[in-house]
Amino acid sequence: MRQLLRIIIGIAFSIIGLLHFKNEESFRNIVPDYLPFRKAAVLITGVFEIVFGIVLISKRPSLCLKRGINAFLLAVLPANIYMAQHNIPLGDKKLPKWALYSRLPLQFVMMRVIHKL
């Protein structure tokens, strides 16, 4: 069960990472205005997500990698908060405000799941 969950999460990370490059402008819109180098931040986080995805698909993550992924999830939390506060669409899909805010606690659920892999 853990292996299947790890692979599903790995695929999700990989796809989302690739979308950072395909839809860079959409992802840049959710990076808070007060942060510098917004385009670079989108591309760098995309690379991280692809790498995390590939590693999760290929092998069981070490404690160090789990901590790294969880630190990454905390680091991107401000973008998710900014997205909810400003009601920014996810790509071309406008989500209801409640859905944008409901994603925030899911970030912590994801961190717990990563820790248990």
N, C-alpha and C. Protein backbone atom coordinates (compact mmCIF):
# COMPACT_ATOMS: atom_id res chain seq x y z
N MET A 1 0.81 -1.20 0.00
CA MET A 1 0.00 0.00 0.00
C MET A 1 0.86 1.27 0.00
N ARG A 2 1.91 1.26 0.84
CA ARG A 2 2.81 2.43 0.88
C ARG A 2 3.50 2.65 -0.46
N GLN A 3 3.89 1.53 -1.08
CA GLN A 3 4.56 1.65 -2.37
C GLN A 3 3.63 2.27 -3.42
N LEU A 4 2.39 1.84 -3.46
CA LEU A 4 1.42 2.39 -4.40
C LEU A 4 1.20 3.88 -4.13
N LEU A 5 1.04 4.24 -2.86
CA LEU A 5 0.85 5.64 -2.49
C LEU A 5 2.07 6.47 -2.87
N ARG A 6 3.24 5.93 -2.63
CA ARG A 6 4.50 6.62 -2.98
C ARG A 6 4.57 6.87 -4.48
N ILE A 7 4.18 5.88 -5.28
CA ILE A 7 4.22 6.02 -6.73
C ILE A 7 3.19 7.05 -7.21
N ILE A 8 1.99 7.01 -6.63
CA ILE A 8 0.96 7.98 -7.00
C ILE A 8 1.42 9.40 -6.67
N ILE A 9 1.96 9.59 -5.48
CA ILE A 9 2.47 10.91 -5.09
C ILE A 9 3.63 11.32 -5.99
N GLY A 10 4.50 10.38 -6.32
CA GLY A 10 5.62 10.66 -7.22
C GLY A 10 5.16 11.10 -8.60
N ILE A 11 4.15 10.43 -9.11
CA ILE A 11 3.60 10.82 -10.42
C ILE A 11 2.98 12.21 -10.33
N ALA A 12 2.24 12.47 -9.25
CA ALA A 12 1.62 13.79 -9.08
C ALA A 12 2.69 14.89 -9.01
N PHE A 13 3.74 14.67 -8.21
CA PHE A 13 4.82 15.66 -8.13
C PHE A 13 5.43 15.89 -9.51
N SER A 14 5.69 14.82 -10.25
CA SER A 14 6.31 14.94 -11.56
C SER A 14 5.44 15.74 -12.53
N ILE A 15 4.15 15.43 -12.55
CA ILE A 15 3.24 16.14 -13.46
C ILE A 15 3.14 17.61 -13.08
N ILE A 16 2.98 17.87 -11.80
CA ILE A 16 2.89 19.27 -11.36
C ILE A 16 4.19 20.01 -11.67
N GLY A 17 5.32 19.35 -11.48
CA GLY A 17 6.61 19.96 -11.81
C GLY A 17 6.71 20.32 -13.28
N LEU A 18 6.26 19.42 -14.15
CA LEU A 18 6.27 19.70 -15.59
C LEU A 18 5.34 20.85 -15.94
N LEU A 19 4.21 20.93 -15.24
CA LEU A 19 3.27 22.02 -15.49
C LEU A 19 3.86 23.38 -15.13
N HIS A 20 4.84 23.41 -14.20
CA HIS A 20 5.51 24.66 -13.88
C HIS A 20 6.19 25.24 -15.12
N PHE A 21 6.63 24.39 -16.03
CA PHE A 21 7.29 24.85 -17.25
C PHE A 21 6.27 25.11 -18.36
N LYS A 22 5.27 24.27 -18.46
CA LYS A 22 4.24 24.42 -19.50
C LYS A 22 3.37 25.65 -19.25
N ASN A 23 3.00 25.88 -17.99
CA ASN A 23 2.12 26.99 -17.62
C ASN A 23 2.81 27.94 -16.64
N GLU A 24 4.04 28.30 -16.98
CA GLU A 24 4.85 29.10 -16.06
C GLU A 24 4.15 30.38 -15.63
N GLU A 25 3.48 31.06 -16.53
CA GLU A 25 2.84 32.33 -16.18
C GLU A 25 1.72 32.12 -15.15
N SER A 26 0.96 31.05 -15.30
CA SER A 26 -0.11 30.77 -14.33
C SER A 26 0.47 30.52 -12.95
N PHE A 27 1.56 29.77 -12.89
CA PHE A 27 2.20 29.51 -11.60
C PHE A 27 2.83 30.79 -11.03
N ARG A 28 3.36 31.63 -11.92
CA ARG A 28 3.97 32.88 -11.45
C ARG A 28 2.93 33.79 -10.80
N ASN A 29 1.69 33.71 -11.28
CA ASN A 29 0.63 34.54 -10.71
C ASN A 29 0.34 34.22 -9.25
N ILE A 30 0.64 33.00 -8.81
CA ILE A 30 0.35 32.66 -7.41
C ILE A 30 1.54 32.90 -6.47
N VAL A 31 2.66 33.30 -7.04
CA VAL A 31 3.81 33.65 -6.20
C VAL A 31 3.55 35.07 -5.67
N PRO A 32 3.59 35.25 -4.36
CA PRO A 32 3.30 36.59 -3.80
C PRO A 32 4.15 37.68 -4.44
N ASP A 33 3.52 38.83 -4.66
CA ASP A 33 4.19 39.97 -5.31
C ASP A 33 5.42 40.44 -4.57
N TYR A 34 5.45 40.25 -3.25
CA TYR A 34 6.57 40.76 -2.46
C TYR A 34 7.83 39.91 -2.61
N LEU A 35 7.72 38.76 -3.26
CA LEU A 35 8.90 37.91 -3.46
C LEU A 35 9.62 38.29 -4.75
N PRO A 36 10.94 38.36 -4.70
CA PRO A 36 11.70 38.66 -5.93
C PRO A 36 11.86 37.40 -6.79
N PHE A 37 12.23 37.61 -8.04
CA PHE A 37 12.58 36.52 -8.95
C PHE A 37 11.45 35.48 -9.07
N ARG A 38 10.26 35.96 -9.31
CA ARG A 38 9.08 35.09 -9.32
C ARG A 38 9.17 34.02 -10.41
N LYS A 39 9.62 34.38 -11.59
CA LYS A 39 9.74 33.39 -12.67
C LYS A 39 10.76 32.33 -12.30
N ALA A 40 11.89 32.76 -11.79
CA ALA A 40 12.93 31.80 -11.37
C ALA A 40 12.40 30.89 -10.28
N ALA A 41 11.63 31.45 -9.35
CA ALA A 41 11.06 30.64 -8.26
C ALA A 41 10.15 29.54 -8.83
N VAL A 42 9.35 29.89 -9.83
CA VAL A 42 8.46 28.90 -10.44
C VAL A 42 9.26 27.80 -11.12
N LEU A 43 10.27 28.18 -11.86
CA LEU A 43 11.07 27.18 -12.59
C LEU A 43 11.87 26.30 -11.62
N ILE A 44 12.44 26.91 -10.60
CA ILE A 44 13.22 26.14 -9.62
C ILE A 44 12.33 25.18 -8.86
N THR A 45 11.16 25.64 -8.43
CA THR A 45 10.26 24.73 -7.71
C THR A 45 9.76 23.63 -8.63
N GLY A 46 9.62 23.94 -9.91
CA GLY A 46 9.25 22.90 -10.87
C GLY A 46 10.31 21.81 -10.96
N VAL A 47 11.57 22.21 -10.99
CA VAL A 47 12.67 21.23 -11.02
C VAL A 47 12.64 20.37 -9.76
N PHE A 48 12.47 21.01 -8.61
CA PHE A 48 12.41 20.26 -7.35
C PHE A 48 11.27 19.24 -7.39
N GLU A 49 10.10 19.66 -7.87
CA GLU A 49 8.96 18.74 -7.89
C GLU A 49 9.22 17.56 -8.83
N ILE A 50 9.84 17.81 -9.96
CA ILE A 50 10.17 16.72 -10.88
C ILE A 50 11.15 15.75 -10.23
N VAL A 51 12.19 16.29 -9.61
CA VAL A 51 13.19 15.44 -8.95
C VAL A 51 12.54 14.64 -7.82
N PHE A 52 11.74 15.30 -6.99
CA PHE A 52 11.06 14.58 -5.91
C PHE A 52 10.18 13.47 -6.49
N GLY A 53 9.47 13.79 -7.56
CA GLY A 53 8.60 12.80 -8.18
C GLY A 53 9.36 11.59 -8.69
N ILE A 54 10.45 11.82 -9.39
CA ILE A 54 11.25 10.73 -9.94
C ILE A 54 11.80 9.85 -8.82
N VAL A 55 12.31 10.49 -7.77
CA VAL A 55 12.87 9.71 -6.66
C VAL A 55 11.78 8.90 -5.97
N LEU A 56 10.61 9.51 -5.74
CA LEU A 56 9.52 8.78 -5.09
C LEU A 56 9.05 7.60 -5.93
N ILE A 57 9.05 7.76 -7.24
CA ILE A 57 8.64 6.67 -8.12
C ILE A 57 9.66 5.54 -8.11
N SER A 58 10.93 5.91 -8.05
CA SER A 58 11.99 4.92 -8.22
C SER A 58 12.41 4.17 -6.95
N LYS A 59 12.25 4.80 -5.78
CA LYS A 59 12.69 4.10 -4.57
C LYS A 59 12.01 4.68 -3.34
N ARG A 60 12.13 3.96 -2.25
CA ARG A 60 11.59 4.43 -0.98
C ARG A 60 12.45 5.59 -0.49
N PRO A 61 11.81 6.69 -0.10
CA PRO A 61 12.59 7.87 0.27
C PRO A 61 13.29 7.71 1.63
N SER A 62 14.47 8.28 1.71
CA SER A 62 15.20 8.30 2.98
C SER A 62 14.55 9.34 3.90
N LEU A 63 14.91 9.30 5.16
CA LEU A 63 14.41 10.29 6.11
C LEU A 63 14.82 11.69 5.68
N CYS A 64 16.03 11.82 5.17
CA CYS A 64 16.53 13.12 4.71
C CYS A 64 15.67 13.65 3.56
N LEU A 65 15.33 12.79 2.61
CA LEU A 65 14.49 13.21 1.49
C LEU A 65 13.08 13.57 1.97
N LYS A 66 12.54 12.78 2.88
CA LYS A 66 11.21 13.09 3.42
C LYS A 66 11.21 14.47 4.07
N ARG A 67 12.24 14.76 4.82
CA ARG A 67 12.35 16.07 5.46
C ARG A 67 12.51 17.18 4.42
N GLY A 68 13.25 16.88 3.37
CA GLY A 68 13.42 17.86 2.29
C GLY A 68 12.11 18.15 1.57
N ILE A 69 11.35 17.11 1.29
CA ILE A 69 10.05 17.30 0.64
C ILE A 69 9.12 18.10 1.56
N ASN A 70 9.11 17.77 2.84
CA ASN A 70 8.25 18.50 3.77
C ASN A 70 8.68 19.96 3.93
N ALA A 71 9.98 20.22 3.91
CA ALA A 71 10.46 21.60 3.95
C ALA A 71 10.02 22.34 2.68
N PHE A 72 10.08 21.65 1.56
CA PHE A 72 9.63 22.23 0.30
C PHE A 72 8.14 22.58 0.38
N LEU A 73 7.33 21.65 0.90
CA LEU A 73 5.90 21.89 1.01
C LEU A 73 5.61 23.09 1.91
N LEU A 74 6.40 23.27 2.96
CA LEU A 74 6.25 24.46 3.80
C LEU A 74 6.67 25.73 3.05
N ALA A 75 7.72 25.61 2.24
CA ALA A 75 8.23 26.76 1.51
C ALA A 75 7.23 27.27 0.46
N VAL A 76 6.45 26.38 -0.13
CA VAL A 76 5.49 26.82 -1.15
C VAL A 76 4.13 27.17 -0.55
N LEU A 77 3.96 26.97 0.76
CA LEU A 77 2.70 27.30 1.41
C LEU A 77 2.30 28.76 1.23
N PRO A 78 3.23 29.73 1.29
CA PRO A 78 2.82 31.13 1.06
C PRO A 78 2.16 31.34 -0.30
N ALA A 79 2.59 30.62 -1.32
CA ALA A 79 1.95 30.75 -2.64
C ALA A 79 0.51 30.25 -2.59
N ASN A 80 0.28 29.16 -1.87
CA ASN A 80 -1.09 28.64 -1.76
C ASN A 80 -1.97 29.59 -0.94
N ILE A 81 -1.41 30.20 0.09
CA ILE A 81 -2.16 31.18 0.88
C ILE A 81 -2.49 32.39 0.03
N TYR A 82 -1.49 32.88 -0.71
CA TYR A 82 -1.67 34.04 -1.60
C TYR A 82 -2.74 33.74 -2.65
N MET A 83 -2.70 32.54 -3.19
CA MET A 83 -3.68 32.13 -4.19
C MET A 83 -5.09 32.18 -3.61
N ALA A 84 -5.26 31.69 -2.39
CA ALA A 84 -6.57 31.68 -1.75
C ALA A 84 -7.02 33.11 -1.41
N GLN A 85 -6.12 33.89 -0.86
CA GLN A 85 -6.47 35.26 -0.46
C GLN A 85 -6.92 36.12 -1.65
N HIS A 86 -6.28 35.91 -2.80
CA HIS A 86 -6.54 36.74 -3.98
C HIS A 86 -7.43 36.04 -5.01
N ASN A 87 -7.93 34.86 -4.64
CA ASN A 87 -8.86 34.12 -5.50
C ASN A 87 -8.31 33.95 -6.92
N ILE A 88 -7.05 33.50 -7.00
CA ILE A 88 -6.37 33.34 -8.27
C ILE A 88 -6.74 31.98 -8.86
N PRO A 89 -7.12 31.97 -10.15
CA PRO A 89 -7.49 30.68 -10.78
C PRO A 89 -6.31 29.72 -10.83
N LEU A 90 -6.63 28.44 -10.80
CA LEU A 90 -5.62 27.39 -10.95
C LEU A 90 -5.54 27.09 -12.44
N GLY A 91 -4.56 27.70 -13.11
CA GLY A 91 -4.49 27.61 -14.56
C GLY A 91 -5.66 28.38 -15.16
N ASP A 92 -6.48 27.70 -15.93
CA ASP A 92 -7.66 28.35 -16.52
C ASP A 92 -8.93 28.00 -15.75
N LYS A 93 -8.78 27.32 -14.62
CA LYS A 93 -9.93 26.90 -13.82
C LYS A 93 -10.07 27.78 -12.59
N LYS A 94 -11.19 28.48 -12.52
CA LYS A 94 -11.47 29.32 -11.35
C LYS A 94 -12.17 28.46 -10.31
N LEU A 95 -11.50 28.25 -9.19
CA LEU A 95 -12.05 27.43 -8.11
C LEU A 95 -12.80 28.33 -7.12
N PRO A 96 -13.82 27.78 -6.46
CA PRO A 96 -14.47 28.57 -5.42
C PRO A 96 -13.48 28.87 -4.29
N LYS A 97 -13.70 29.99 -3.62
CA LYS A 97 -12.79 30.41 -2.55
C LYS A 97 -12.64 29.33 -1.48
N TRP A 98 -13.73 28.64 -1.14
CA TRP A 98 -13.66 27.59 -0.12
C TRP A 98 -12.71 26.48 -0.56
N ALA A 99 -12.68 26.18 -1.87
CA ALA A 99 -11.80 25.12 -2.37
C ALA A 99 -10.34 25.56 -2.28
N LEU A 100 -10.10 26.84 -2.58
CA LEU A 100 -8.73 27.35 -2.48
C LEU A 100 -8.23 27.31 -1.03
N TYR A 101 -9.10 27.67 -0.09
CA TYR A 101 -8.71 27.63 1.32
C TYR A 101 -8.62 26.20 1.84
N SER A 102 -9.43 25.30 1.30
CA SER A 102 -9.38 23.90 1.79
C SER A 102 -8.09 23.21 1.38
N ARG A 103 -7.40 23.73 0.37
CA ARG A 103 -6.11 23.17 -0.03
C ARG A 103 -5.04 23.39 1.03
N LEU A 104 -5.19 24.43 1.85
CA LEU A 104 -4.15 24.77 2.83
C LEU A 104 -3.93 23.68 3.86
N PRO A 105 -4.97 23.19 4.54
CA PRO A 105 -4.71 22.10 5.50
C PRO A 105 -4.28 20.81 4.81
N LEU A 106 -4.65 20.65 3.55
CA LEU A 106 -4.23 19.45 2.82
C LEU A 106 -2.71 19.41 2.65
N GLN A 107 -2.09 20.58 2.66
CA GLN A 107 -0.63 20.64 2.58
C GLN A 107 -0.01 19.90 3.78
N PHE A 108 -0.62 20.07 4.95
CA PHE A 108 -0.11 19.42 6.16
C PHE A 108 -0.44 17.93 6.16
N VAL A 109 -1.58 17.58 5.59
CA VAL A 109 -1.92 16.16 5.43
C VAL A 109 -0.89 15.51 4.52
N MET A 110 -0.54 16.19 3.43
CA MET A 110 0.47 15.66 2.50
C MET A 110 1.81 15.49 3.21
N MET A 111 2.16 16.43 4.07
CA MET A 111 3.42 16.32 4.81
C MET A 111 3.40 15.09 5.71
N ARG A 112 2.29 14.83 6.34
CA ARG A 112 2.17 13.66 7.22
C ARG A 112 2.28 12.37 6.40
N VAL A 113 1.62 12.35 5.25
CA VAL A 113 1.67 11.16 4.39
C VAL A 113 3.11 10.92 3.91
N ILE A 114 3.79 11.99 3.48
CA ILE A 114 5.19 11.86 3.05
C ILE A 114 6.03 11.29 4.18
N HIS A 115 5.82 11.78 5.38
CA HIS A 115 6.60 11.31 6.54
C HIS A 115 6.39 9.82 6.78
N LYS A 116 5.21 9.31 6.48
CA LYS A 116 4.88 7.90 6.74
C LYS A 116 5.33 6.96 5.62
N LEU A 117 5.76 7.49 4.48
CA LEU A 117 6.16 6.61 3.36
C LEU A 117 7.38 5.76 3.70
